[in-house]
Amino acid sequence: MTSQAFNDAAAKHMETLKMYVPIVARVHGKEHPEFHDVHRLFNELEKKMGAENPELAGEFEELRKVTDGYTVPGDVCESYEAVYNMLSELDSAYGA
């Protein structure tokens, strides 16, 4: 069952993530090809989130691997950092 904490985090961050993820992929994808995986996984999360009680553990597990635990690279913009922080918050809330 999806927790209230996850629903709150999703309500807080999904619209911004929908806007930022494609832009960050376009801007940083060449130097950080792993972000294309982040983009793909985010799209999978977004599709599944329309369901009642979505099963997202696999996507979050893969996101943690791809992002090295949401570690922000040193040469990226604030939007890239914001995406990782928002995804990390969603991940934590989902696991709560």
PDB file of N, CA and C in Angstrom:
ATOM      1  N   MET A   1       0.838  -1.190   0.000  1.00  0.00           N
ATOM      2  CA  MET A   1       0.000   0.000   0.000  1.00  0.00           C
ATOM      3  C   MET A   1       0.881   1.251   0.000  1.00  0.00           C
ATOM      4  N   THR A   2       0.544   2.203  -0.839  1.00  0.00           N
ATOM      5  CA  THR A   2       1.286   3.447  -0.930  1.00  0.00           C
ATOM      6  C   THR A   2       1.018   4.287   0.320  1.00  0.00           C
ATOM      7  N   SER A   3       2.089   4.805   0.914  1.00  0.00           N
ATOM      8  CA  SER A   3       1.947   5.570   2.146  1.00  0.00           C
ATOM      9  C   SER A   3       1.504   7.003   1.866  1.00  0.00           C
ATOM     10  N   GLN A   4       0.976   7.618   2.908  1.00  0.00           N
ATOM     11  CA  GLN A   4       0.597   9.029   2.800  1.00  0.00           C
ATOM     12  C   GLN A   4       1.838   9.884   2.558  1.00  0.00           C
ATOM     13  N   ALA A   5       2.958   9.488   3.167  1.00  0.00           N
ATOM     14  CA  ALA A   5       4.209  10.238   2.969  1.00  0.00           C
ATOM     15  C   ALA A   5       4.600  10.227   1.497  1.00  0.00           C
ATOM     16  N   PHE A   6       4.443   9.082   0.839  1.00  0.00           N
ATOM     17  CA  PHE A   6       4.767   8.999  -0.586  1.00  0.00           C
ATOM     18  C   PHE A   6       3.797   9.849  -1.403  1.00  0.00           C
ATOM     19  N   ASN A   7       2.516   9.746  -1.091  1.00  0.00           N
ATOM     20  CA  ASN A   7       1.532  10.549  -1.823  1.00  0.00           C
ATOM     21  C   ASN A   7       1.810  12.043  -1.670  1.00  0.00           C
ATOM     22  N   ASP A   8       2.195  12.441  -0.467  1.00  0.00           N
ATOM     23  CA  ASP A   8       2.529  13.854  -0.230  1.00  0.00           C
ATOM     24  C   ASP A   8       3.761  14.268  -1.022  1.00  0.00           C
ATOM     25  N   ALA A   9       4.803  13.426  -1.017  1.00  0.00           N
ATOM     26  CA  ALA A   9       6.026  13.735  -1.760  1.00  0.00           C
ATOM     27  C   ALA A   9       5.743  13.791  -3.255  1.00  0.00           C
ATOM     28  N   ALA A  10       4.918  12.867  -3.733  1.00  0.00           N
ATOM     29  CA  ALA A  10       4.566  12.861  -5.155  1.00  0.00           C
ATOM     30  C   ALA A  10       3.804  14.129  -5.522  1.00  0.00           C
ATOM     31  N   ALA A  11       2.855  14.511  -4.687  1.00  0.00           N
ATOM     32  CA  ALA A  11       2.088  15.734  -4.944  1.00  0.00           C
ATOM     33  C   ALA A  11       3.000  16.957  -4.960  1.00  0.00           C
ATOM     34  N   LYS A  12       4.001  16.933  -4.097  1.00  0.00           N
ATOM     35  CA  LYS A  12       4.922  18.063  -3.972  1.00  0.00           C
ATOM     36  C   LYS A  12       5.884  18.154  -5.163  1.00  0.00           C
ATOM     37  N   HIS A  13       6.334  17.006  -5.708  1.00  0.00           N
ATOM     38  CA  HIS A  13       7.445  17.017  -6.651  1.00  0.00           C
ATOM     39  C   HIS A  13       7.149  16.594  -8.092  1.00  0.00           C
ATOM     40  N   MET A  14       6.074  15.884  -8.339  1.00  0.00           N
ATOM     41  CA  MET A  14       5.912  15.299  -9.680  1.00  0.00           C
ATOM     42  C   MET A  14       5.824  16.334 -10.804  1.00  0.00           C
ATOM     43  N   GLU A  15       5.116  17.403 -10.605  1.00  0.00           N
ATOM     44  CA  GLU A  15       5.005  18.389 -11.693  1.00  0.00           C
ATOM     45  C   GLU A  15       6.372  18.991 -12.022  1.00  0.00           C
ATOM     46  N   THR A  16       7.155  19.280 -11.001  1.00  0.00           N
ATOM     47  CA  THR A  16       8.492  19.828 -11.235  1.00  0.00           C
ATOM     48  C   THR A  16       9.375  18.784 -11.915  1.00  0.00           C
ATOM     49  N   LEU A  17       9.305  17.544 -11.457  1.00  0.00           N
ATOM     50  CA  LEU A  17      10.102  16.489 -12.081  1.00  0.00           C
ATOM     51  C   LEU A  17       9.731  16.307 -13.547  1.00  0.00           C
ATOM     52  N   LYS A  18       8.441  16.344 -13.854  1.00  0.00           N
ATOM     53  CA  LYS A  18       7.998  16.204 -15.251  1.00  0.00           C
ATOM     54  C   LYS A  18       8.605  17.294 -16.128  1.00  0.00           C
ATOM     55  N   MET A  19       8.786  18.456 -15.557  1.00  0.00           N
ATOM     56  CA  MET A  19       9.363  19.571 -16.293  1.00  0.00           C
ATOM     57  C   MET A  19      10.889  19.448 -16.371  1.00  0.00           C
ATOM     58  N   TYR A  20      11.548  19.133 -15.248  1.00  0.00           N
ATOM     59  CA  TYR A  20      13.008  19.147 -15.181  1.00  0.00           C
ATOM     60  C   TYR A  20      13.688  17.955 -15.842  1.00  0.00           C
ATOM     61  N   VAL A  21      13.143  16.745 -15.674  1.00  0.00           N
ATOM     62  CA  VAL A  21      13.853  15.547 -16.125  1.00  0.00           C
ATOM     63  C   VAL A  21      14.191  15.593 -17.616  1.00  0.00           C
ATOM     64  N   PRO A  22      13.248  15.908 -18.515  1.00  0.00           N
ATOM     65  CA  PRO A  22      13.616  15.951 -19.937  1.00  0.00           C
ATOM     66  C   PRO A  22      14.643  17.041 -20.254  1.00  0.00           C
ATOM     67  N   ILE A  23      14.558  18.164 -19.573  1.00  0.00           N
ATOM     68  CA  ILE A  23      15.503  19.263 -19.818  1.00  0.00           C
ATOM     69  C   ILE A  23      16.894  18.871 -19.353  1.00  0.00           C
ATOM     70  N   VAL A  24      17.002  18.284 -18.161  1.00  0.00           N
ATOM     71  CA  VAL A  24      18.306  17.861 -17.642  1.00  0.00           C
ATOM     72  C   VAL A  24      18.894  16.783 -18.548  1.00  0.00           C
ATOM     73  N   ALA A  25      18.063  15.875 -19.048  1.00  0.00           N
ATOM     74  CA  ALA A  25      18.551  14.832 -19.963  1.00  0.00           C
ATOM     75  C   ALA A  25      19.132  15.459 -21.222  1.00  0.00           C
ATOM     76  N   ARG A  26      18.461  16.475 -21.738  1.00  0.00           N
ATOM     77  CA  ARG A  26      18.936  17.135 -22.958  1.00  0.00           C
ATOM     78  C   ARG A  26      20.223  17.906 -22.699  1.00  0.00           C
ATOM     79  N   VAL A  27      20.297  18.612 -21.584  1.00  0.00           N
ATOM     80  CA  VAL A  27      21.442  19.470 -21.293  1.00  0.00           C
ATOM     81  C   VAL A  27      22.669  18.662 -20.854  1.00  0.00           C
ATOM     82  N   HIS A  28      22.457  17.637 -20.025  1.00  0.00           N
ATOM     83  CA  HIS A  28      23.580  16.920 -19.415  1.00  0.00           C
ATOM     84  C   HIS A  28      23.785  15.504 -19.937  1.00  0.00           C
ATOM     85  N   GLY A  29      22.894  15.030 -20.795  1.00  0.00           N
ATOM     86  CA  GLY A  29      22.953  13.643 -21.244  1.00  0.00           C
ATOM     87  C   GLY A  29      24.245  13.243 -21.935  1.00  0.00           C
ATOM     88  N   LYS A  30      24.863  14.166 -22.645  1.00  0.00           N
ATOM     89  CA  LYS A  30      26.099  13.836 -23.350  1.00  0.00           C
ATOM     90  C   LYS A  30      27.237  13.576 -22.359  1.00  0.00           C
ATOM     91  N   GLU A  31      27.367  14.438 -21.359  1.00  0.00           N
ATOM     92  CA  GLU A  31      28.437  14.297 -20.363  1.00  0.00           C
ATOM     93  C   GLU A  31      28.084  13.278 -19.290  1.00  0.00           C
ATOM     94  N   HIS A  32      26.792  13.053 -19.078  1.00  0.00           N
ATOM     95  CA  HIS A  32      26.323  12.135 -18.038  1.00  0.00           C
ATOM     96  C   HIS A  32      25.289  11.182 -18.648  1.00  0.00           C
ATOM     97  N   PRO A  33      25.762  10.213 -19.438  1.00  0.00           N
ATOM     98  CA  PRO A  33      24.818   9.318 -20.129  1.00  0.00           C
ATOM     99  C   PRO A  33      23.934   8.524 -19.180  1.00  0.00           C
ATOM    100  N   GLU A  34      24.354   8.379 -17.920  1.00  0.00           N
ATOM    101  CA  GLU A  34      23.511   7.670 -16.944  1.00  0.00           C
ATOM    102  C   GLU A  34      22.182   8.388 -16.732  1.00  0.00           C
ATOM    103  N   PHE A  35      22.162   9.698 -17.032  1.00  0.00           N
ATOM    104  CA  PHE A  35      20.911  10.429 -16.825  1.00  0.00           C
ATOM    105  C   PHE A  35      19.836   9.972 -17.802  1.00  0.00           C
ATOM    106  N   HIS A  36      20.230   9.409 -18.941  1.00  0.00           N
ATOM    107  CA  HIS A  36      19.221   8.863 -19.856  1.00  0.00           C
ATOM    108  C   HIS A  36      18.491   7.694 -19.186  1.00  0.00           C
ATOM    109  N   ASP A  37      19.211   6.916 -18.369  1.00  0.00           N
ATOM    110  CA  ASP A  37      18.567   5.857 -17.593  1.00  0.00           C
ATOM    111  C   ASP A  37      17.640   6.450 -16.541  1.00  0.00           C
ATOM    112  N   VAL A  38      18.073   7.535 -15.899  1.00  0.00           N
ATOM    113  CA  VAL A  38      17.225   8.220 -14.918  1.00  0.00           C
ATOM    114  C   VAL A  38      15.940   8.667 -15.604  1.00  0.00           C
ATOM    115  N   HIS A  39      16.071   9.231 -16.792  1.00  0.00           N
ATOM    116  CA  HIS A  39      14.912   9.705 -17.553  1.00  0.00           C
ATOM    117  C   HIS A  39      13.957   8.542 -17.843  1.00  0.00           C
ATOM    118  N   ARG A  40      14.496   7.436 -18.332  1.00  0.00           N
ATOM    119  CA  ARG A  40      13.691   6.253 -18.653  1.00  0.00           C
ATOM    120  C   ARG A  40      12.977   5.731 -17.400  1.00  0.00           C
ATOM    121  N   LEU A  41      13.713   5.628 -16.303  1.00  0.00           N
ATOM    122  CA  LEU A  41      13.127   5.126 -15.057  1.00  0.00           C
ATOM    123  C   LEU A  41      12.068   6.074 -14.509  1.00  0.00           C
ATOM    124  N   PHE A  42      12.312   7.358 -14.623  1.00  0.00           N
ATOM    125  CA  PHE A  42      11.305   8.328 -14.190  1.00  0.00           C
ATOM    126  C   PHE A  42      10.026   8.158 -15.002  1.00  0.00           C
ATOM    127  N   ASN A  43      10.167   7.973 -16.309  1.00  0.00           N
ATOM    128  CA  ASN A  43       8.983   7.764 -17.151  1.00  0.00           C
ATOM    129  C   ASN A  43       8.219   6.514 -16.724  1.00  0.00           C
ATOM    130  N   GLU A  44       8.943   5.446 -16.357  1.00  0.00           N
ATOM    131  CA  GLU A  44       8.293   4.224 -15.877  1.00  0.00           C
ATOM    132  C   GLU A  44       7.562   4.489 -14.558  1.00  0.00           C
ATOM    133  N   LEU A  45       8.212   5.216 -13.651  1.00  0.00           N
ATOM    134  CA  LEU A  45       7.565   5.576 -12.386  1.00  0.00           C
ATOM    135  C   LEU A  45       6.279   6.347 -12.641  1.00  0.00           C
ATOM    136  N   GLU A  46       6.389   7.330 -13.502  1.00  0.00           N
ATOM    137  CA  GLU A  46       5.241   8.194 -13.784  1.00  0.00           C
ATOM    138  C   GLU A  46       4.067   7.388 -14.327  1.00  0.00           C
ATOM    139  N   LYS A  47       4.330   6.451 -15.247  1.00  0.00           N
ATOM    140  CA  LYS A  47       3.257   5.619 -15.806  1.00  0.00           C
ATOM    141  C   LYS A  47       2.592   4.787 -14.718  1.00  0.00           C
ATOM    142  N   LYS A  48       3.399   4.177 -13.864  1.00  0.00           N
ATOM    143  CA  LYS A  48       2.871   3.294 -12.827  1.00  0.00           C
ATOM    144  C   LYS A  48       2.137   4.053 -11.726  1.00  0.00           C
ATOM    145  N   MET A  49       2.496   5.303 -11.517  1.00  0.00           N
ATOM    146  CA  MET A  49       1.903   6.067 -10.416  1.00  0.00           C
ATOM    147  C   MET A  49       0.426   6.365 -10.630  1.00  0.00           C
ATOM    148  N   GLY A  50      -0.066   6.166 -11.833  1.00  0.00           N
ATOM    149  CA  GLY A  50      -1.484   6.359 -12.088  1.00  0.00           C
ATOM    150  C   GLY A  50      -2.335   5.257 -11.478  1.00  0.00           C
ATOM    151  N   ALA A  51      -1.716   4.120 -11.181  1.00  0.00           N
ATOM    152  CA  ALA A  51      -2.443   2.990 -10.607  1.00  0.00           C
ATOM    153  C   ALA A  51      -2.623   3.175  -9.105  1.00  0.00           C
ATOM    154  N   GLU A  52      -3.622   2.502  -8.566  1.00  0.00           N
ATOM    155  CA  GLU A  52      -3.798   2.512  -7.113  1.00  0.00           C
ATOM    156  C   GLU A  52      -2.772   1.541  -6.529  1.00  0.00           C
ATOM    157  N   ASN A  53      -2.044   1.967  -5.526  1.00  0.00           N
ATOM    158  CA  ASN A  53      -0.990   1.165  -4.892  1.00  0.00           C
ATOM    159  C   ASN A  53       0.044   0.652  -5.897  1.00  0.00           C
ATOM    160  N   PRO A  54       0.717   1.556  -6.586  1.00  0.00           N
ATOM    161  CA  PRO A  54       1.694   1.126  -7.590  1.00  0.00           C
ATOM    162  C   PRO A  54       2.886   0.418  -6.945  1.00  0.00           C
ATOM    163  N   GLU A  55       3.445  -0.563  -7.655  1.00  0.00           N
ATOM    164  CA  GLU A  55       4.638  -1.283  -7.205  1.00  0.00           C
ATOM    165  C   GLU A  55       5.843  -0.618  -7.868  1.00  0.00           C
ATOM    166  N   LEU A  56       6.587   0.158  -7.088  1.00  0.00           N
ATOM    167  CA  LEU A  56       7.681   0.968  -7.626  1.00  0.00           C
ATOM    168  C   LEU A  56       9.050   0.573  -7.075  1.00  0.00           C
ATOM    169  N   ALA A  57       9.105  -0.463  -6.253  1.00  0.00           N
ATOM    170  CA  ALA A  57      10.369  -0.828  -5.595  1.00  0.00           C
ATOM    171  C   ALA A  57      11.480  -1.105  -6.603  1.00  0.00           C
ATOM    172  N   GLY A  58      11.162  -1.793  -7.692  1.00  0.00           N
ATOM    173  CA  GLY A  58      12.169  -2.113  -8.698  1.00  0.00           C
ATOM    174  C   GLY A  58      12.757  -0.877  -9.348  1.00  0.00           C
ATOM    175  N   GLU A  59      11.902   0.077  -9.670  1.00  0.00           N
ATOM    176  CA  GLU A  59      12.372   1.312 -10.298  1.00  0.00           C
ATOM    177  C   GLU A  59      13.253   2.104  -9.339  1.00  0.00           C
ATOM    178  N   PHE A  60      12.830   2.190  -8.074  1.00  0.00           N
ATOM    179  CA  PHE A  60      13.646   2.928  -7.114  1.00  0.00           C
ATOM    180  C   PHE A  60      14.978   2.226  -6.864  1.00  0.00           C
ATOM    181  N   GLU A  61      14.960   0.897  -6.839  1.00  0.00           N
ATOM    182  CA  GLU A  61      16.214   0.158  -6.664  1.00  0.00           C
ATOM    183  C   GLU A  61      17.167   0.451  -7.821  1.00  0.00           C
ATOM    184  N   GLU A  62      16.644   0.436  -9.036  1.00  0.00           N
ATOM    185  CA  GLU A  62      17.480   0.716 -10.205  1.00  0.00           C
ATOM    186  C   GLU A  62      17.951   2.170 -10.202  1.00  0.00           C
ATOM    187  N   LEU A  63      17.092   3.093  -9.789  1.00  0.00           N
ATOM    188  CA  LEU A  63      17.507   4.501  -9.698  1.00  0.00           C
ATOM    189  C   LEU A  63      18.665   4.665  -8.711  1.00  0.00           C
ATOM    190  N   ARG A  64      18.599   3.981  -7.580  1.00  0.00           N
ATOM    191  CA  ARG A  64      19.688   4.069  -6.598  1.00  0.00           C
ATOM    192  C   ARG A  64      20.997   3.568  -7.197  1.00  0.00           C
ATOM    193  N   LYS A  65      20.918   2.495  -7.995  1.00  0.00           N
ATOM    194  CA  LYS A  65      22.133   1.959  -8.639  1.00  0.00           C
ATOM    195  C   LYS A  65      22.679   2.942  -9.673  1.00  0.00           C
ATOM    196  N   VAL A  66      21.806   3.411 -10.549  1.00  0.00           N
ATOM    197  CA  VAL A  66      22.210   4.299 -11.648  1.00  0.00           C
ATOM    198  C   VAL A  66      22.789   5.609 -11.130  1.00  0.00           C
ATOM    199  N   THR A  67      22.227   6.116 -10.025  1.00  0.00           N
ATOM    200  CA  THR A  67      22.636   7.423  -9.499  1.00  0.00           C
ATOM    201  C   THR A  67      23.665   7.320  -8.370  1.00  0.00           C
ATOM    202  N   ASP A  68      24.113   6.102  -8.081  1.00  0.00           N
ATOM    203  CA  ASP A  68      25.033   5.878  -6.955  1.00  0.00           C
ATOM    204  C   ASP A  68      24.442   6.461  -5.674  1.00  0.00           C
ATOM    205  N   GLY A  69      23.212   6.054  -5.401  1.00  0.00           N
ATOM    206  CA  GLY A  69      22.547   6.534  -4.193  1.00  0.00           C
ATOM    207  C   GLY A  69      22.172   8.002  -4.251  1.00  0.00           C
ATOM    208  N   TYR A  70      21.830   8.476  -5.450  1.00  0.00           N
ATOM    209  CA  TYR A  70      21.445   9.880  -5.679  1.00  0.00           C
ATOM    210  C   TYR A  70      22.597  10.841  -5.381  1.00  0.00           C
ATOM    211  N   THR A  71      23.807  10.398  -5.679  1.00  0.00           N
ATOM    212  CA  THR A  71      24.990  11.254  -5.525  1.00  0.00           C
ATOM    213  C   THR A  71      25.051  12.216  -6.701  1.00  0.00           C
ATOM    214  N   VAL A  72      25.050  13.496  -6.405  1.00  0.00           N
ATOM    215  CA  VAL A  72      25.038  14.531  -7.442  1.00  0.00           C
ATOM    216  C   VAL A  72      26.460  14.734  -7.972  1.00  0.00           C
ATOM    217  N   PRO A  73      26.664  14.610  -9.293  1.00  0.00           N
ATOM    218  CA  PRO A  73      27.985  14.886  -9.856  1.00  0.00           C
ATOM    219  C   PRO A  73      28.398  16.335  -9.585  1.00  0.00           C
ATOM    220  N   GLY A  74      29.679  16.574  -9.525  1.00  0.00           N
ATOM    221  CA  GLY A  74      30.188  17.895  -9.186  1.00  0.00           C
ATOM    222  C   GLY A  74      30.078  18.931 -10.286  1.00  0.00           C
ATOM    223  N   ASP A  75      29.803  18.513 -11.514  1.00  0.00           N
ATOM    224  CA  ASP A  75      29.839  19.443 -12.653  1.00  0.00           C
ATOM    225  C   ASP A  75      28.469  19.675 -13.284  1.00  0.00           C
ATOM    226  N   VAL A  76      27.426  19.667 -12.466  1.00  0.00           N
ATOM    227  CA  VAL A  76      26.076  19.807 -13.015  1.00  0.00           C
ATOM    228  C   VAL A  76      25.364  21.027 -12.421  1.00  0.00           C
ATOM    229  N   CYS A  77      24.247  21.365 -13.048  1.00  0.00           N
ATOM    230  CA  CYS A  77      23.482  22.542 -12.632  1.00  0.00           C
ATOM    231  C   CYS A  77      22.565  22.230 -11.451  1.00  0.00           C
ATOM    232  N   GLU A  78      21.960  23.286 -10.934  1.00  0.00           N
ATOM    233  CA  GLU A  78      21.053  23.150  -9.791  1.00  0.00           C
ATOM    234  C   GLU A  78      19.830  22.308 -10.134  1.00  0.00           C
ATOM    235  N   SER A  79      19.389  22.338 -11.382  1.00  0.00           N
ATOM    236  CA  SER A  79      18.221  21.544 -11.775  1.00  0.00           C
ATOM    237  C   SER A  79      18.531  20.051 -11.697  1.00  0.00           C
ATOM    238  N   TYR A  80      19.726  19.660 -12.120  1.00  0.00           N
ATOM    239  CA  TYR A  80      20.157  18.263 -12.030  1.00  0.00           C
ATOM    240  C   TYR A  80      20.154  17.841 -10.565  1.00  0.00           C
ATOM    241  N   GLU A  81      20.740  18.658  -9.719  1.00  0.00           N
ATOM    242  CA  GLU A  81      20.774  18.382  -8.282  1.00  0.00           C
ATOM    243  C   GLU A  81      19.360  18.284  -7.720  1.00  0.00           C
ATOM    244  N   ALA A  82      18.490  19.180  -8.141  1.00  0.00           N
ATOM    245  CA  ALA A  82      17.108  19.180  -7.658  1.00  0.00           C
ATOM    246  C   ALA A  82      16.392  17.890  -8.047  1.00  0.00           C
ATOM    247  N   VAL A  83      16.626  17.403  -9.266  1.00  0.00           N
ATOM    248  CA  VAL A  83      16.006  16.156  -9.706  1.00  0.00           C
ATOM    249  C   VAL A  83      16.432  15.012  -8.792  1.00  0.00           C
ATOM    250  N   TYR A  84      17.725  14.891  -8.531  1.00  0.00           N
ATOM    251  CA  TYR A  84      18.208  13.811  -7.665  1.00  0.00           C
ATOM    252  C   TYR A  84      17.634  13.949  -6.265  1.00  0.00           C
ATOM    253  N   ASN A  85      17.559  15.158  -5.742  1.00  0.00           N
ATOM    254  CA  ASN A  85      17.011  15.367  -4.396  1.00  0.00           C
ATOM    255  C   ASN A  85      15.528  15.006  -4.334  1.00  0.00           C
ATOM    256  N   MET A  86      14.771  15.390  -5.357  1.00  0.00           N
ATOM    257  CA  MET A  86      13.347  15.067  -5.375  1.00  0.00           C
ATOM    258  C   MET A  86      13.124  13.569  -5.532  1.00  0.00           C
ATOM    259  N   LEU A  87      13.893  12.920  -6.412  1.00  0.00           N
ATOM    260  CA  LEU A  87      13.762  11.475  -6.577  1.00  0.00           C
ATOM    261  C   LEU A  87      14.143  10.748  -5.298  1.00  0.00           C
ATOM    262  N   SER A  88      15.174  11.226  -4.625  1.00  0.00           N
ATOM    263  CA  SER A  88      15.587  10.616  -3.367  1.00  0.00           C
ATOM    264  C   SER A  88      14.478  10.739  -2.321  1.00  0.00           C
ATOM    265  N   GLU A  89      13.836  11.896  -2.277  1.00  0.00           N
ATOM    266  CA  GLU A  89      12.742  12.098  -1.327  1.00  0.00           C
ATOM    267  C   GLU A  89      11.572  11.166  -1.637  1.00  0.00           C
ATOM    268  N   LEU A  90      11.253  11.011  -2.923  1.00  0.00           N
ATOM    269  CA  LEU A  90      10.191  10.085  -3.313  1.00  0.00           C
ATOM    270  C   LEU A  90      10.553   8.657  -2.911  1.00  0.00           C
ATOM    271  N   ASP A  91      11.795   8.276  -3.170  1.00  0.00           N
ATOM    272  CA  ASP A  91      12.283   6.941  -2.837  1.00  0.00           C
ATOM    273  C   ASP A  91      12.162   6.692  -1.326  1.00  0.00           C
ATOM    274  N   SER A  92      12.623   7.624  -0.535  1.00  0.00           N
ATOM    275  CA  SER A  92      12.560   7.480   0.926  1.00  0.00           C
ATOM    276  C   SER A  92      11.106   7.375   1.401  1.00  0.00           C
ATOM    277  N   ALA A  93      10.245   8.199   0.840  1.00  0.00           N
ATOM    278  CA  ALA A  93       8.837   8.188   1.245  1.00  0.00           C
ATOM    279  C   ALA A  93       8.164   6.883   0.821  1.00  0.00           C
ATOM    280  N   TYR A  94       8.557   6.350  -0.336  1.00  0.00           N
ATOM    281  CA  TYR A  94       7.976   5.090  -0.807  1.00  0.00           C
ATOM    282  C   TYR A  94       8.368   3.944   0.134  1.00  0.00           C
ATOM    283  N   GLY A  95       9.602   3.969   0.588  1.00  0.00           N
ATOM    284  CA  GLY A  95      10.094   2.920   1.469  1.00  0.00           C
ATOM    285  C   GLY A  95       9.639   3.061   2.904  1.00  0.00           C
ATOM    286  N   ALA A  96       9.053   4.194   3.232  1.00  0.00           N
ATOM    287  CA  ALA A  96       8.653   4.453   4.634  1.00  0.00           C
ATOM    288  C   ALA A  96       7.459   3.605   5.051  1.00  0.00           C
TER     289      ALA A  96
END
